[in-house]
Amino acid sequence: QVDIVESGGGQVQPGGSLKLSCVASGAPSSIYAVDWYRQAPGKKRELVAELEGDGRTKYADSVKGRFTVSRDRSENGVYLTMDNLKPEDTAVYYCNVHLEIDSVLWKDNWGLGIQVAVSS
């Protein structure tokens, strides 16, 4: 019914930047909130950033000061801007959004994941 589409990943050198996008398309809906996760090979999934419906944000200690969550309601998208990237940021990144559909909240709508690789 609703497709969650991620984009913006890729390979960058240490110190570089990337901006990940997470856009909801298909049936009429809007993104109420988003959690951004990442999972490196052989490691447990990690919650790295949150954007609540009231605009509050939270960040994991490992990314605080470098990552920023934002929203563009006109495009029905949420974003993760990543600055000063480090090799340890290499992982597959997932958005998990709460959707508003006819004033009803639907939890746990996942993107398929997108690769971020930080290396020389």
Protein backbone atom coordinates (compact mmCIF):
# COMPACT_ATOMS: atom_id res chain seq x y z
CA GLN A 1 0.00 0.00 0.00
CA VAL A 2 2.81 2.42 0.97
CA ASP A 3 6.36 2.11 -0.33
CA ILE A 4 9.27 3.30 1.81
CA VAL A 5 12.11 4.23 -0.54
CA GLU A 6 15.63 5.01 0.64
CA SER A 7 18.31 6.74 -1.39
CA GLY A 8 21.52 8.73 -1.01
CA GLY A 9 23.97 6.06 0.12
CA GLY A 10 27.31 5.24 -1.41
CA GLN A 11 31.04 5.27 -0.73
CA VAL A 12 32.88 8.28 0.65
CA GLN A 13 36.30 8.99 2.09
CA PRO A 14 36.75 9.60 5.82
CA GLY A 15 35.68 13.13 6.68
CA GLY A 16 33.14 13.25 3.86
CA SER A 17 29.37 13.69 4.03
CA LEU A 18 26.26 11.93 2.80
CA LYS A 19 22.55 12.68 3.04
CA LEU A 20 20.18 9.72 3.21
CA SER A 21 16.57 10.13 2.12
CA CYS A 22 13.54 8.13 3.22
CA VAL A 23 10.38 8.88 1.24
CA ALA A 24 6.90 7.40 1.61
CA SER A 25 5.00 6.94 -1.64
CA GLY A 26 1.94 5.10 -2.90
CA ALA A 27 -1.25 5.38 -0.87
CA PRO A 28 -1.94 8.80 0.66
CA SER A 29 0.05 9.09 3.87
CA SER A 30 2.43 11.30 5.81
CA ILE A 31 5.44 10.48 7.93
CA TYR A 32 4.75 11.17 11.59
CA ALA A 33 8.08 10.05 13.02
CA VAL A 34 11.21 8.18 12.01
CA ASP A 35 13.90 6.06 13.62
CA TRP A 36 17.16 5.56 11.75
CA TYR A 37 19.05 2.32 12.36
CA ARG A 38 22.28 0.87 11.05
CA GLN A 39 23.77 -2.59 11.00
CA ALA A 40 27.39 -3.38 10.21
CA PRO A 41 28.43 -6.85 9.02
CA GLY A 42 28.39 -9.32 11.89
CA LYS A 43 27.12 -6.71 14.36
CA LYS A 44 23.81 -6.04 16.06
CA ARG A 45 21.39 -3.45 14.69
CA GLU A 46 21.94 -0.04 16.30
CA LEU A 47 19.49 2.83 16.73
CA VAL A 48 21.38 5.96 15.70
CA ALA A 49 18.81 8.77 15.41
CA GLU A 50 15.16 9.58 16.13
CA LEU A 51 12.75 12.28 15.00
CA GLU A 52 9.48 12.44 16.92
CA GLY A 53 6.20 13.86 15.67
CA ASP A 54 6.67 16.96 17.82
CA GLY A 55 10.07 17.63 16.26
CA ARG A 56 12.23 16.35 19.10
CA THR A 57 15.38 14.51 18.10
CA LYS A 58 17.70 12.05 19.81
CA TYR A 59 21.05 10.67 18.72
CA ALA A 60 23.29 7.83 19.74
CA ASP A 61 26.50 8.90 21.43
CA SER A 62 28.48 7.45 18.54
CA VAL A 63 26.96 9.92 16.04
CA LYS A 64 25.90 12.92 18.12
CA GLY A 65 27.31 16.15 16.73
CA ARG A 66 27.88 14.59 13.31
CA PHE A 67 24.43 13.29 12.22
CA THR A 68 21.22 15.33 11.87
CA VAL A 69 17.63 14.16 11.27
CA SER A 70 15.31 16.47 9.33
CA ARG A 71 11.93 16.49 7.60
CA ASP A 72 10.36 17.94 4.45
CA ARG A 73 6.60 17.59 4.68
CA SER A 74 6.05 18.86 1.14
CA GLU A 75 8.00 15.89 -0.22
CA ASN A 76 6.76 13.47 2.46
CA GLY A 77 10.35 12.64 3.26
CA VAL A 78 12.73 12.41 6.19
CA TYR A 79 16.49 12.65 5.97
CA LEU A 80 19.67 11.74 7.77
CA THR A 81 22.54 14.13 7.09
CA MET A 82 25.87 12.58 8.01
CA ASP A 83 28.95 14.78 8.33
CA ASN A 84 32.56 13.99 9.20
CA LEU A 85 32.02 10.34 8.40
CA LYS A 86 34.33 7.75 9.92
CA PRO A 87 35.18 4.20 8.79
CA GLU A 88 33.23 2.86 11.76
CA ASP A 89 30.08 4.44 10.27
CA THR A 90 30.19 1.84 7.50
CA ALA A 91 26.91 -0.08 7.65
CA VAL A 92 23.56 -0.65 6.01
CA TYR A 93 21.20 2.11 7.13
CA TYR A 94 17.46 1.61 7.58
CA CYS A 95 14.62 4.05 8.17
CA ASN A 96 11.65 2.91 10.23
CA VAL A 97 8.72 5.33 9.93
CA HIS A 98 5.38 5.82 11.61
CA LEU A 99 2.78 6.78 9.00
CA GLU A 100 -0.38 8.85 9.34
CA ILE A 101 -3.20 7.51 7.17
CA ASP A 102 -6.65 9.05 7.67
CA SER A 103 -5.53 10.30 11.09
CA VAL A 104 -4.50 6.80 12.18
CA LEU A 105 -0.89 5.96 13.09
CA TRP A 106 0.73 2.88 11.56
CA LYS A 107 3.97 1.76 13.17
CA ASP A 108 7.02 -0.08 11.87
CA ASN A 109 7.20 0.67 8.19
CA TRP A 110 10.74 -0.19 7.12
CA GLY A 111 12.90 0.80 4.23
CA LEU A 112 14.92 -1.95 2.58
CA GLY A 113 18.24 -0.53 3.74
CA ILE A 114 20.98 1.35 1.92
CA GLN A 115 24.74 0.87 2.05
CA VAL A 116 27.08 3.50 3.42
CA ALA A 117 30.79 2.75 3.04
CA VAL A 118 33.47 5.03 4.47
CA SER A 119 36.96 4.15 3.31
CA SER A 120 39.96 5.37 1.36
